[in-house]
Amino acid sequence: MRVFAESGFRGATTRRIAEAAGVNEVTLFRQFKSKTALINEAAELYARRRSEEALPDEPVSPLRELSEWCVAHLVLLQESRELIRKCMAEVGAHPQIAGCVRQGPDVVHKQLLDYATRLVRQQGLQVSRDDVRVSCLMLQGSLFADAMGRDMMPDLFPRSINRAGADYARCFLRMLGADPVSPGTPPPEASAANRSNGAPKGAGSNRRKGQARKPRPPRGT
């Protein structure tokens, strides 16, 4: 990965890779049939690192969980920034590495989509699957743009990585209309969320007996 990031597909010869790894070039070919196969294995290793920073099976504290997840992936993306840039620059000339480039993003998208789908179901949010998917893509794109552009345009992004992770997570939850603190549908009328929106405690108590409660629109709309 280091040799490829420094020299690109053509410059990362098997001899240079073998020297960097401290092995014989023949040994390298016994393990990997081609240079493309070797790069693919490196990409799989990167994808496995991304999968280690998984979100929990069931959301418990969405804002905290997503903030920590965003920070972890920003760090991983920044650590691999030069490799990612080199891969993207060389896909046109070497289309065979396109599959390598997308392995990490595929892992991240599945993690986020699965978590968001569970969150929407858990909180009973009125959000379509297409909207959930687009929201996930927008968060994923924000993380990628931050990691790739922060060194060139630092003023464009939140001041620190931790602040960025929390900000991105908060906006993502707003897009879904999700409760950022606790799972489940919030208690009607007396919830802290309602009070923060100006509804007094016990609001709605003047409804006539037996009158059906009007459904509230999902938050975030």
C-alpha atoms as a PDB file:
ATOM      1  CA  MET A   1       0.000   0.000   0.000  1.00  0.00           C
ATOM      2  CA  ARG A   2       2.820   2.398   0.843  1.00  0.00           C
ATOM      3  CA  VAL A   3       4.738   1.700  -2.398  1.00  0.00           C
ATOM      4  CA  PHE A   4       1.609   2.027  -4.487  1.00  0.00           C
ATOM      5  CA  ALA A   5       0.657   5.303  -2.781  1.00  0.00           C
ATOM      6  CA  GLU A   6       4.139   6.665  -3.521  1.00  0.00           C
ATOM      7  CA  SER A   7       4.624   5.425  -7.081  1.00  0.00           C
ATOM      8  CA  GLY A   8       1.262   4.443  -8.565  1.00  0.00           C
ATOM      9  CA  PHE A   9       0.374   1.257 -10.418  1.00  0.00           C
ATOM     10  CA  ARG A  10       3.179   1.402 -12.972  1.00  0.00           C
ATOM     11  CA  GLY A  11       5.896   2.539 -10.577  1.00  0.00           C
ATOM     12  CA  ALA A  12       4.981   0.019  -7.860  1.00  0.00           C
ATOM     13  CA  THR A  13       6.912  -2.857  -9.405  1.00  0.00           C
ATOM     14  CA  THR A  14       6.832  -6.265  -7.762  1.00  0.00           C
ATOM     15  CA  ARG A  15      10.536  -5.909  -7.069  1.00  0.00           C
ATOM     16  CA  ARG A  16      10.015  -2.670  -5.123  1.00  0.00           C
ATOM     17  CA  ILE A  17       7.065  -4.180  -3.266  1.00  0.00           C
ATOM     18  CA  ALA A  18       9.090  -7.283  -2.371  1.00  0.00           C
ATOM     19  CA  GLU A  19      11.970  -5.137  -1.118  1.00  0.00           C
ATOM     20  CA  ALA A  20       9.613  -3.024   1.016  1.00  0.00           C
ATOM     21  CA  ALA A  21       8.030  -6.181   2.448  1.00  0.00           C
ATOM     22  CA  GLY A  22      11.412  -7.812   3.084  1.00  0.00           C
ATOM     23  CA  VAL A  23      10.656 -10.910   0.981  1.00  0.00           C
ATOM     24  CA  ASN A  24      11.929 -12.490  -2.216  1.00  0.00           C
ATOM     25  CA  GLU A  25      10.129 -11.500  -5.428  1.00  0.00           C
ATOM     26  CA  VAL A  26       9.527 -15.195  -6.226  1.00  0.00           C
ATOM     27  CA  THR A  27       7.829 -15.595  -2.849  1.00  0.00           C
ATOM     28  CA  LEU A  28       5.598 -12.659  -3.711  1.00  0.00           C
ATOM     29  CA  PHE A  29       4.414 -14.343  -6.912  1.00  0.00           C
ATOM     30  CA  ARG A  30       3.735 -17.585  -5.078  1.00  0.00           C
ATOM     31  CA  GLN A  31       1.298 -15.747  -2.854  1.00  0.00           C
ATOM     32  CA  PHE A  32      -0.233 -13.441  -5.472  1.00  0.00           C
ATOM     33  CA  LYS A  33      -0.808 -14.295  -9.136  1.00  0.00           C
ATOM     34  CA  SER A  34      -0.482 -10.708 -10.339  1.00  0.00           C
ATOM     35  CA  LYS A  35       0.122  -7.151  -9.203  1.00  0.00           C
ATOM     36  CA  THR A  36      -3.612  -6.474  -9.489  1.00  0.00           C
ATOM     37  CA  ALA A  37      -4.310  -9.386  -7.143  1.00  0.00           C
ATOM     38  CA  LEU A  38      -1.792  -7.950  -4.699  1.00  0.00           C
ATOM     39  CA  ILE A  39      -3.408  -4.503  -4.782  1.00  0.00           C
ATOM     40  CA  ASN A  40      -6.823  -6.123  -4.372  1.00  0.00           C
ATOM     41  CA  GLU A  41      -5.586  -7.901  -1.249  1.00  0.00           C
ATOM     42  CA  ALA A  42      -4.302  -4.599   0.129  1.00  0.00           C
ATOM     43  CA  ALA A  43      -7.726  -3.058  -0.537  1.00  0.00           C
ATOM     44  CA  GLU A  44      -9.416  -5.953   1.268  1.00  0.00           C
ATOM     45  CA  LEU A  45      -7.147  -5.361   4.246  1.00  0.00           C
ATOM     46  CA  TYR A  46      -8.217  -1.719   4.267  1.00  0.00           C
ATOM     47  CA  ALA A  47     -11.885  -2.764   4.006  1.00  0.00           C
ATOM     48  CA  ARG A  48     -11.455  -5.098   6.973  1.00  0.00           C
ATOM     49  CA  ARG A  49     -10.064  -2.217   9.001  1.00  0.00           C
ATOM     50  CA  ARG A  50     -13.168  -0.226   8.114  1.00  0.00           C
ATOM     51  CA  SER A  51     -15.420  -3.103   9.209  1.00  0.00           C
ATOM     52  CA  GLU A  52     -13.728  -3.216  12.626  1.00  0.00           C
ATOM     53  CA  GLU A  53     -15.231   0.205  13.386  1.00  0.00           C
ATOM     54  CA  ALA A  54     -18.770  -1.175  13.185  1.00  0.00           C
ATOM     55  CA  LEU A  55     -21.904   0.423  14.598  1.00  0.00           C
ATOM     56  CA  PRO A  56     -23.865  -1.496  17.279  1.00  0.00           C
ATOM     57  CA  ASP A  57     -26.526  -3.999  16.271  1.00  0.00           C
ATOM     58  CA  GLU A  58     -29.218  -1.956  18.007  1.00  0.00           C
ATOM     59  CA  PRO A  59     -29.080   1.838  18.467  1.00  0.00           C
ATOM     60  CA  VAL A  60     -28.885   2.875  22.114  1.00  0.00           C
ATOM     61  CA  SER A  61     -27.470   6.403  22.006  1.00  0.00           C
ATOM     62  CA  PRO A  62     -27.546   7.381  18.324  1.00  0.00           C
ATOM     63  CA  LEU A  63     -25.712  10.711  18.543  1.00  0.00           C
ATOM     64  CA  ARG A  64     -22.847   9.284  20.601  1.00  0.00           C
ATOM     65  CA  GLU A  65     -22.589   6.089  18.545  1.00  0.00           C
ATOM     66  CA  LEU A  66     -22.634   7.876  15.206  1.00  0.00           C
ATOM     67  CA  SER A  67     -20.238  10.597  16.403  1.00  0.00           C
ATOM     68  CA  GLU A  68     -17.666   8.012  17.490  1.00  0.00           C
ATOM     69  CA  TRP A  69     -18.154   6.088  14.241  1.00  0.00           C
ATOM     70  CA  CYS A  70     -17.682   9.215  12.139  1.00  0.00           C
ATOM     71  CA  VAL A  71     -14.487  10.153  13.987  1.00  0.00           C
ATOM     72  CA  ALA A  72     -13.060   6.627  13.602  1.00  0.00           C
ATOM     73  CA  HIS A  73     -13.683   6.619   9.860  1.00  0.00           C
ATOM     74  CA  LEU A  74     -12.333  10.135   9.391  1.00  0.00           C
ATOM     75  CA  VAL A  75      -9.099   8.960  11.016  1.00  0.00           C
ATOM     76  CA  LEU A  76      -8.921   5.839   8.817  1.00  0.00           C
ATOM     77  CA  LEU A  77      -9.623   7.855   5.671  1.00  0.00           C
ATOM     78  CA  GLN A  78      -6.958  10.411   6.543  1.00  0.00           C
ATOM     79  CA  GLU A  79      -4.407   7.673   7.214  1.00  0.00           C
ATOM     80  CA  SER A  80      -5.087   6.207   3.748  1.00  0.00           C
ATOM     81  CA  ARG A  81      -5.538   9.538   1.982  1.00  0.00           C
ATOM     82  CA  GLU A  82      -2.539   9.276  -0.353  1.00  0.00           C
ATOM     83  CA  LEU A  83      -3.429   5.730  -1.377  1.00  0.00           C
ATOM     84  CA  ILE A  84      -7.031   6.715  -2.078  1.00  0.00           C
ATOM     85  CA  ARG A  85      -5.969   9.713  -4.133  1.00  0.00           C
ATOM     86  CA  LYS A  86      -3.549   7.596  -6.136  1.00  0.00           C
ATOM     87  CA  CYS A  87      -6.168   4.917  -6.802  1.00  0.00           C
ATOM     88  CA  MET A  88      -8.735   7.449  -7.970  1.00  0.00           C
ATOM     89  CA  ALA A  89      -6.191   9.122 -10.247  1.00  0.00           C
ATOM     90  CA  GLU A  90      -5.229   5.820 -11.882  1.00  0.00           C
ATOM     91  CA  VAL A  91      -8.627   4.142 -12.345  1.00  0.00           C
ATOM     92  CA  GLY A  92      -8.957   5.644 -15.829  1.00  0.00           C
ATOM     93  CA  ALA A  93      -5.640   4.192 -17.012  1.00  0.00           C
ATOM     94  CA  HIS A  94      -6.028   0.940 -15.062  1.00  0.00           C
ATOM     95  CA  PRO A  95      -9.748   0.077 -14.817  1.00  0.00           C
ATOM     96  CA  GLN A  96      -8.910  -3.298 -13.300  1.00  0.00           C
ATOM     97  CA  ILE A  97      -8.307  -1.586  -9.950  1.00  0.00           C
ATOM     98  CA  ALA A  98     -11.793  -0.065  -9.826  1.00  0.00           C
ATOM     99  CA  GLY A  99     -13.047  -3.007  -7.776  1.00  0.00           C
ATOM    100  CA  CYS A 100     -10.268  -2.416  -5.266  1.00  0.00           C
ATOM    101  CA  VAL A 101     -11.177   1.244  -4.864  1.00  0.00           C
ATOM    102  CA  ARG A 102     -14.794   0.594  -3.914  1.00  0.00           C
ATOM    103  CA  GLN A 103     -14.271  -2.127  -1.300  1.00  0.00           C
ATOM    104  CA  GLY A 104     -13.864   0.256   1.644  1.00  0.00           C
ATOM    105  CA  PRO A 105     -16.808   2.512   0.660  1.00  0.00           C
ATOM    106  CA  ASP A 106     -19.034  -0.543   0.165  1.00  0.00           C
ATOM    107  CA  VAL A 107     -18.287  -1.741   3.707  1.00  0.00           C
ATOM    108  CA  VAL A 108     -18.979   1.686   5.184  1.00  0.00           C
ATOM    109  CA  HIS A 109     -22.230   2.147   3.265  1.00  0.00           C
ATOM    110  CA  LYS A 110     -23.597  -1.207   4.401  1.00  0.00           C
ATOM    111  CA  GLN A 111     -22.707  -0.482   8.034  1.00  0.00           C
ATOM    112  CA  LEU A 112     -24.409   2.886   7.965  1.00  0.00           C
ATOM    113  CA  LEU A 113     -27.469   1.767   5.982  1.00  0.00           C
ATOM    114  CA  ASP A 114     -28.090  -1.198   8.285  1.00  0.00           C
ATOM    115  CA  TYR A 115     -27.793   0.994  11.387  1.00  0.00           C
ATOM    116  CA  ALA A 116     -30.021   3.746   9.967  1.00  0.00           C
ATOM    117  CA  THR A 117     -32.652   1.199   8.884  1.00  0.00           C
ATOM    118  CA  ARG A 118     -32.760  -0.253  12.400  1.00  0.00           C
ATOM    119  CA  LEU A 119     -32.966   3.244  13.890  1.00  0.00           C
ATOM    120  CA  VAL A 120     -35.864   4.218  11.631  1.00  0.00           C
ATOM    121  CA  ARG A 121     -37.716   1.026  12.524  1.00  0.00           C
ATOM    122  CA  GLN A 122     -36.940   1.357  16.233  1.00  0.00           C
ATOM    123  CA  GLN A 123     -38.189   4.954  16.473  1.00  0.00           C
ATOM    124  CA  GLY A 124     -41.121   4.466  14.097  1.00  0.00           C
ATOM    125  CA  LEU A 125     -39.922   7.223  11.758  1.00  0.00           C
ATOM    126  CA  GLN A 126     -41.854   7.966   8.586  1.00  0.00           C
ATOM    127  CA  VAL A 127     -38.858   7.864   6.254  1.00  0.00           C
ATOM    128  CA  SER A 128     -38.736   5.911   3.006  1.00  0.00           C
ATOM    129  CA  ARG A 129     -35.938   3.461   2.328  1.00  0.00           C
ATOM    130  CA  ASP A 130     -34.776   5.618  -0.577  1.00  0.00           C
ATOM    131  CA  ASP A 131     -34.499   8.649   1.728  1.00  0.00           C
ATOM    132  CA  VAL A 132     -32.567   6.596   4.274  1.00  0.00           C
ATOM    133  CA  ARG A 133     -30.170   5.467   1.568  1.00  0.00           C
ATOM    134  CA  VAL A 134     -29.641   9.022   0.264  1.00  0.00           C
ATOM    135  CA  SER A 135     -29.068  10.309   3.817  1.00  0.00           C
ATOM    136  CA  CYS A 136     -26.411   7.628   4.297  1.00  0.00           C
ATOM    137  CA  LEU A 137     -24.744   8.587   1.021  1.00  0.00           C
ATOM    138  CA  MET A 138     -24.702  12.250   2.079  1.00  0.00           C
ATOM    139  CA  LEU A 139     -23.022  11.435   5.397  1.00  0.00           C
ATOM    140  CA  GLN A 140     -20.555   9.131   3.682  1.00  0.00           C
ATOM    141  CA  GLY A 141     -19.771  11.840   1.139  1.00  0.00           C
ATOM    142  CA  SER A 142     -19.214  14.412   3.887  1.00  0.00           C
ATOM    143  CA  LEU A 143     -16.727  12.146   5.639  1.00  0.00           C
ATOM    144  CA  PHE A 144     -14.888  11.492   2.385  1.00  0.00           C
ATOM    145  CA  ALA A 145     -14.778  15.172   1.414  1.00  0.00           C
ATOM    146  CA  ASP A 146     -13.468  16.103   4.869  1.00  0.00           C
ATOM    147  CA  ALA A 147     -10.736  13.470   4.887  1.00  0.00           C
ATOM    148  CA  MET A 148      -9.598  14.221   1.327  1.00  0.00           C
ATOM    149  CA  GLY A 149      -9.836  18.015   1.498  1.00  0.00           C
ATOM    150  CA  ARG A 150      -8.970  19.024   5.060  1.00  0.00           C
ATOM    151  CA  ASP A 151      -5.230  19.314   4.370  1.00  0.00           C
ATOM    152  CA  MET A 152      -5.848  21.632   1.389  1.00  0.00           C
ATOM    153  CA  MET A 153      -8.895  23.576   2.664  1.00  0.00           C
ATOM    154  CA  PRO A 154      -8.789  23.449   6.468  1.00  0.00           C
ATOM    155  CA  ASP A 155     -11.089  26.453   6.897  1.00  0.00           C
ATOM    156  CA  LEU A 156     -13.874  24.682   5.023  1.00  0.00           C
ATOM    157  CA  PHE A 157     -14.393  21.999   7.677  1.00  0.00           C
ATOM    158  CA  PRO A 158     -15.113  21.932  11.438  1.00  0.00           C
ATOM    159  CA  ARG A 159     -12.039  22.877  13.431  1.00  0.00           C
ATOM    160  CA  SER A 160     -11.307  19.455  14.917  1.00  0.00           C
ATOM    161  CA  ILE A 161     -11.967  15.844  13.898  1.00  0.00           C
ATOM    162  CA  ASN A 162     -14.024  15.222  17.046  1.00  0.00           C
ATOM    163  CA  ARG A 163     -16.151  18.300  16.384  1.00  0.00           C
ATOM    164  CA  ALA A 164     -16.590  17.251  12.759  1.00  0.00           C
ATOM    165  CA  GLY A 165     -17.741  13.765  13.737  1.00  0.00           C
ATOM    166  CA  ALA A 166     -20.342  15.135  16.139  1.00  0.00           C
ATOM    167  CA  ASP A 167     -21.585  17.755  13.659  1.00  0.00           C
ATOM    168  CA  TYR A 168     -21.961  15.261  10.815  1.00  0.00           C
ATOM    169  CA  ALA A 169     -23.734  12.767  13.070  1.00  0.00           C
ATOM    170  CA  ARG A 170     -26.135  15.419  14.383  1.00  0.00           C
ATOM    171  CA  CYS A 171     -27.103  16.595  10.898  1.00  0.00           C
ATOM    172  CA  PHE A 172     -27.568  13.005   9.742  1.00  0.00           C
ATOM    173  CA  LEU A 173     -30.015  12.336  12.567  1.00  0.00           C
ATOM    174  CA  ARG A 174     -31.887  15.532  11.711  1.00  0.00           C
ATOM    175  CA  MET A 175     -32.254  14.364   8.122  1.00  0.00           C
ATOM    176  CA  LEU A 176     -33.921  11.197   9.393  1.00  0.00           C
ATOM    177  CA  GLY A 177     -35.955  13.086  12.010  1.00  0.00           C
ATOM    178  CA  ALA A 178     -34.493  10.775  14.657  1.00  0.00           C
ATOM    179  CA  ASP A 179     -34.169  11.268  18.407  1.00  0.00           C
ATOM    180  CA  PRO A 180     -30.424  11.830  18.985  1.00  0.00           C
ATOM    181  CA  VAL A 181     -30.415  10.774  22.625  1.00  0.00           C
ATOM    182  CA  SER A 182     -32.553   7.736  23.292  1.00  0.00           C
ATOM    183  CA  PRO A 183     -34.269   5.079  21.191  1.00  0.00           C
ATOM    184  CA  GLY A 184     -37.977   4.499  20.921  1.00  0.00           C
ATOM    185  CA  THR A 185     -40.845   6.881  20.243  1.00  0.00           C
ATOM    186  CA  PRO A 186     -40.648   9.800  22.702  1.00  0.00           C
ATOM    187  CA  PRO A 187     -43.471  10.124  25.255  1.00  0.00           C
ATOM    188  CA  PRO A 188     -46.322  12.297  23.939  1.00  0.00           C
ATOM    189  CA  GLU A 189     -46.723  15.900  25.019  1.00  0.00           C
ATOM    190  CA  ALA A 190     -44.535  15.796  28.134  1.00  0.00           C
ATOM    191  CA  SER A 191     -41.263  14.834  26.443  1.00  0.00           C
ATOM    192  CA  ALA A 192     -38.242  17.076  26.759  1.00  0.00           C
ATOM    193  CA  ALA A 193     -38.192  17.433  22.988  1.00  0.00           C
ATOM    194  CA  ASN A 194     -41.688  18.913  22.976  1.00  0.00           C
ATOM    195  CA  ARG A 195     -40.884  21.282  25.822  1.00  0.00           C
ATOM    196  CA  SER A 196     -37.782  22.473  24.013  1.00  0.00           C
ATOM    197  CA  ASN A 197     -39.985  23.312  21.042  1.00  0.00           C
ATOM    198  CA  GLY A 198     -42.156  25.536  23.197  1.00  0.00           C
ATOM    199  CA  ALA A 199     -44.923  23.103  24.106  1.00  0.00           C
ATOM    200  CA  PRO A 200     -45.752  23.409  27.826  1.00  0.00           C
ATOM    201  CA  LYS A 201     -45.751  20.370  30.031  1.00  0.00           C
ATOM    202  CA  GLY A 202     -49.099  18.631  29.828  1.00  0.00           C
ATOM    203  CA  ALA A 203     -50.007  20.323  26.559  1.00  0.00           C
ATOM    204  CA  GLY A 204     -52.947  18.650  24.901  1.00  0.00           C
ATOM    205  CA  SER A 205     -54.765  17.985  28.180  1.00  0.00           C
ATOM    206  CA  ASN A 206     -57.649  20.187  26.996  1.00  0.00           C
ATOM    207  CA  ARG A 207     -58.603  17.678  24.324  1.00  0.00           C
ATOM    208  CA  ARG A 208     -62.157  16.542  24.725  1.00  0.00           C
ATOM    209  CA  LYS A 209     -62.500  13.095  26.201  1.00  0.00           C
ATOM    210  CA  GLY A 210     -62.533  10.381  23.569  1.00  0.00           C
ATOM    211  CA  GLN A 211     -61.188  12.657  20.851  1.00  0.00           C
ATOM    212  CA  ALA A 212     -58.499  10.931  18.865  1.00  0.00           C
ATOM    213  CA  ARG A 213     -55.011  12.376  19.028  1.00  0.00           C
ATOM    214  CA  LYS A 214     -53.922  13.931  15.750  1.00  0.00           C
ATOM    215  CA  PRO A 215     -50.815  12.209  14.394  1.00  0.00           C
ATOM    216  CA  ARG A 216     -47.751  14.411  14.594  1.00  0.00           C
ATOM    217  CA  PRO A 217     -45.598  14.790  11.486  1.00  0.00           C
ATOM    218  CA  PRO A 218     -42.140  13.176  11.769  1.00  0.00           C
ATOM    219  CA  ARG A 219     -39.451  15.425  13.164  1.00  0.00           C
ATOM    220  CA  GLY A 220     -37.005  16.765  10.658  1.00  0.00           C
ATOM    221  CA  THR A 221     -39.608  17.555   7.982  1.00  0.00           C
END
